[in-house]
């Protein structure tokens, strides 16, 4: 969850390739994904971001864009509703508050 939160706030991510991180962060676009345990790769990624303000801004903007496109309530609720319906449930997944449809960064 903290990877998504960082991206939503325009913070480039440096993460390891464990769990679902590589499904969220596209290596070299919203940040860097390094092999777990590869200390040299982690140091290199940190050095690259610390030394390049433009890269930080570009990756931060790319993270915001990825969140808006893939991880808002508006973009995920239809898929979640379809999943529940395929399992025989009849969910009503409409947010009670219209602000739930907007990413926090737009509020």
Protein backbone atom coordinates (compact mmCIF):
# COMPACT_ATOMS: atom_id res chain seq x y z
CA UNK A 1 0.00 0.00 0.00
CA UNK A 2 2.81 2.46 0.73
CA UNK A 3 4.05 2.11 -2.87
CA UNK A 4 0.65 3.27 -4.17
CA UNK A 5 0.55 6.10 -1.63
CA UNK A 6 4.01 7.30 -2.61
CA UNK A 7 3.10 7.26 -6.28
CA UNK A 8 -0.17 9.12 -5.61
CA UNK A 9 1.86 11.87 -3.95
CA UNK A 10 4.37 12.10 -6.78
CA UNK A 11 7.22 10.37 -4.97
CA UNK A 12 9.37 8.10 -7.14
CA UNK A 13 9.60 4.59 -5.75
CA UNK A 14 12.63 2.40 -5.18
CA UNK A 15 11.46 -1.09 -4.32
CA UNK A 16 12.52 -4.71 -4.49
CA UNK A 17 10.96 -7.27 -6.79
CA UNK A 18 9.04 -9.10 -4.06
CA UNK A 19 5.29 -9.37 -3.78
CA UNK A 20 3.33 -7.40 -6.33
CA UNK A 21 5.61 -4.38 -6.48
CA UNK A 22 6.76 -5.06 -10.04
CA UNK A 23 3.09 -5.18 -11.10
CA UNK A 24 2.62 -1.63 -9.82
CA UNK A 25 5.95 0.08 -10.49
CA UNK A 26 7.26 -0.08 -14.04
CA UNK A 27 11.02 -0.15 -13.64
CA UNK A 28 12.51 3.08 -14.93
CA UNK A 29 9.15 4.85 -15.27
CA UNK A 30 7.64 5.52 -11.84
CA UNK A 31 10.80 4.51 -10.01
CA UNK A 32 13.16 1.59 -9.86
CA UNK A 33 12.56 -2.07 -9.10
CA UNK A 34 15.70 -3.87 -7.96
CA UNK A 35 16.35 -7.52 -7.24
CA UNK A 36 15.83 -8.39 -3.60
CA UNK A 37 19.19 -8.56 -1.83
CA UNK A 38 21.06 -6.68 -4.59
CA UNK A 39 22.58 -3.93 -2.49
CA UNK A 40 24.62 -2.51 -5.37
CA UNK A 41 21.48 -2.07 -7.49
CA UNK A 42 19.70 -0.39 -4.57
CA UNK A 43 22.60 2.02 -4.05
CA UNK A 44 22.71 2.81 -7.76
CA UNK A 45 18.96 3.54 -7.84
CA UNK A 46 19.23 5.82 -4.80
CA UNK A 47 22.22 7.65 -6.28
CA UNK A 48 20.42 8.16 -9.60
CA UNK A 49 17.40 9.72 -7.94
CA UNK A 50 19.40 11.83 -5.51
CA UNK A 51 21.55 13.18 -8.32
CA UNK A 52 18.85 13.99 -10.87
CA UNK A 53 16.02 16.36 -9.90
CA UNK A 54 14.49 16.14 -13.37
CA UNK A 55 14.33 12.35 -13.15
CA UNK A 56 12.64 12.60 -9.76
CA UNK A 57 10.03 14.98 -11.19
CA UNK A 58 9.43 12.83 -14.28
CA UNK A 59 9.06 9.64 -12.27
CA UNK A 60 6.86 11.39 -9.72
CA UNK A 61 4.55 12.66 -12.47
CA UNK A 62 4.49 9.21 -14.07
CA UNK A 63 3.48 7.73 -10.71
CA UNK A 64 0.58 10.16 -10.34
CA UNK A 65 -0.55 9.34 -13.86
CA UNK A 66 -0.38 5.58 -13.23
CA UNK A 67 -2.43 5.92 -10.04
CA UNK A 68 -5.07 8.03 -11.79
CA UNK A 69 -5.30 5.52 -14.66
CA UNK A 70 -5.28 2.27 -12.68
CA UNK A 71 -5.90 2.66 -8.96
CA UNK A 72 -8.77 5.07 -8.34
CA UNK A 73 -12.17 3.96 -7.09
CA UNK A 74 -13.59 4.88 -10.48
CA UNK A 75 -11.17 2.60 -12.32
CA UNK A 76 -11.28 -0.35 -9.91
CA UNK A 77 -14.90 -0.58 -8.77
CA UNK A 78 -16.27 -1.88 -12.12
CA UNK A 79 -13.73 -4.73 -12.14
CA UNK A 80 -14.40 -5.54 -8.49
CA UNK A 81 -18.15 -5.53 -9.11
CA UNK A 82 -17.71 -7.84 -12.12
CA UNK A 83 -15.64 -10.22 -9.99
CA UNK A 84 -18.31 -10.37 -7.29
CA UNK A 85 -21.05 -10.90 -9.88
CA UNK A 86 -19.05 -13.75 -11.47
CA UNK A 87 -19.03 -15.38 -8.03
CA UNK A 88 -22.81 -15.08 -7.73
CA UNK A 89 -22.99 -12.01 -5.52
CA UNK A 90 -24.94 -8.88 -6.33
CA UNK A 91 -22.87 -6.05 -4.88
CA UNK A 92 -23.77 -2.41 -4.94
CA UNK A 93 -20.35 -0.81 -5.05
CA UNK A 94 -21.32 2.79 -5.53
CA UNK A 95 -19.43 5.15 -3.24
CA UNK A 96 -21.58 7.12 -0.84
CA UNK A 97 -19.36 10.14 -1.24
CA UNK A 98 -18.58 11.44 -4.73
CA UNK A 99 -15.11 12.46 -3.50
CA UNK A 100 -14.23 8.75 -3.34
CA UNK A 101 -14.14 8.77 -7.13
CA UNK A 102 -11.36 11.35 -7.18
CA UNK A 103 -7.75 10.58 -6.29
CA UNK A 104 -6.65 12.40 -3.16
CA UNK A 105 -4.25 14.46 -5.25
CA UNK A 106 -7.19 16.19 -6.96
CA UNK A 107 -8.90 17.28 -3.76
